[in-house]
C-alpha cells in the first residue's frame, strides 16, 4: 500500500534555508570579520591544569600523559590531573606510573562510576589554575596547542576556547576516510556562523580550554544534569558549552590549536558514537529551547532548524520510502554528498595539509547511505535510551552503577 506522493517543495525549501544559514551566512560573516574572527593576544601565560577523564584506556594512557607533560608551555605553570572513572582494566595503574615519574601529574579516582562530566568537576575543584584544559584520554595534542588556546582569551567575557580536531588515522579504511571529510565540514564550515558571533555551541571535549571560575560558577548545574530525575552522563561537552553561552559568556574556536583523535574503524564503533551524539543533540536542543530566543537571530534560526532537522528528517525518509519516492530522495543525497566531496577536495585549507592527513573526495560518497540510516535508526533509538550511561564514543561499556573502585 502506497501513500499519496509527498510534496517535496517544503522539504527543499527547508534544506535551502538550513544551507543558507549554516554555509552562506557563516561564510559571509567570516569574510566580513576577517582576522577578528580569530583574534589573539601575546604574552598571556596563565597557570593551566590539563584534565584527562579516564576509562579503560590501558597502557596508552601512559603515553598520553607523557605527551601532555612535554607540551610547549612553562613547566612550573602546567599541571596534569587524570580522573579515573572506576576503570575495570589496568588504566589507573599506568596513570599512577606516570604520576610517580612527573611531579606535576596527579591521579584522582572516583569512588563510584559517575560519568565524565562529574569526574572533570572533581578535578576542577582540586585545581587552583586559572585555565582548565579538557583533553580526552585517546587524544594526541599538538605541541603548541596550549599557547594557541590561551592566546584567544582576549577579553574576560570569553569563557571557553576550543581547538581543531584532526583524524589521526584518515586513510586506514573507507570509514575513517569518510569521517575525515565529515570532521572537516563539521569544524571548518558548519561552525563558521558560530565562530563569527563568538557563540560556538559545542566545543569538543577532545581539546577545549575553560576559565576555571566559570566552571566553578556552573558546577551546581553541571552536577545535577537530569531529565525528570534521570541522570544524564553523556554529551557533557555540548551541555557545558550551551550553559556557558546561556549564562552570557562568549565561546570561541581556533584552527591553530590542533589535536588528533582516532576515528572509528568499524560500523559498530561508528554507530555507537553517532547514537551517543544523537542522544546529546536530542536532550540539549530540546532543553535549550527556553533560551534559544535570546541568541543572535541567525544563531536562533540555526538552533531551531537543527532541532527540526533532527526530528523531522527520519519522518521524511520513511514517508518517501512508503510512497515509492525514495529514489528521488536518494539521488538528492548523492548529488549533495558529491558536491561536498568536491568542496573538500579543492579547499585551500585541505590542500595545505600533509598528504597523510588528506583523503580522496570520493571517500565521502558512502555518507549518502550512512546519513539517512543513522537518522532513521538512531534518532528513535536515542529517544528511548536517554538514560544510558555507557562511554560509547570508544566502544566501552560504563561500569555498573555504584561500582566500587
Foldseek 3Di string as FASTA:
>chain_A
DFDADDDCPVVVVLVVVLCCLQFVVLVVLCVVCPCVLQAFDPDDAWQEEEEEEDAPPPLLLLVQVVLQCPAPHPNVRYAYEYEYQPHPDCVQVNQVVSCVVDVRYYYHYDQHRDADLVSVLVVLVVDDTQKYKFAYSQKRWDRCQVVSFVRRPPDPLAFKEAEQEFAPQCVPDLVSVQVRLVSCCVPVGRCSNLSSVLQRQFHDSNIMMGGSVVCVVCVVVSNPDDDPRQHFRAPSRNQVSLVSVLVPGGYHYDHVGYMYHHADPDPQLVLLQLLRVLLNLQVCLVVSPVCLVVDDPSSSVNSVSVNCCLPCVLVVCVSCVRNVNNVVVLVVLQVVLLVSLVCLVPPPVNVPDPPSRHDHSVSNRCCSVVVNVSSNPSNVVSVVPSNARQPSNRDGGGDPGPDGD
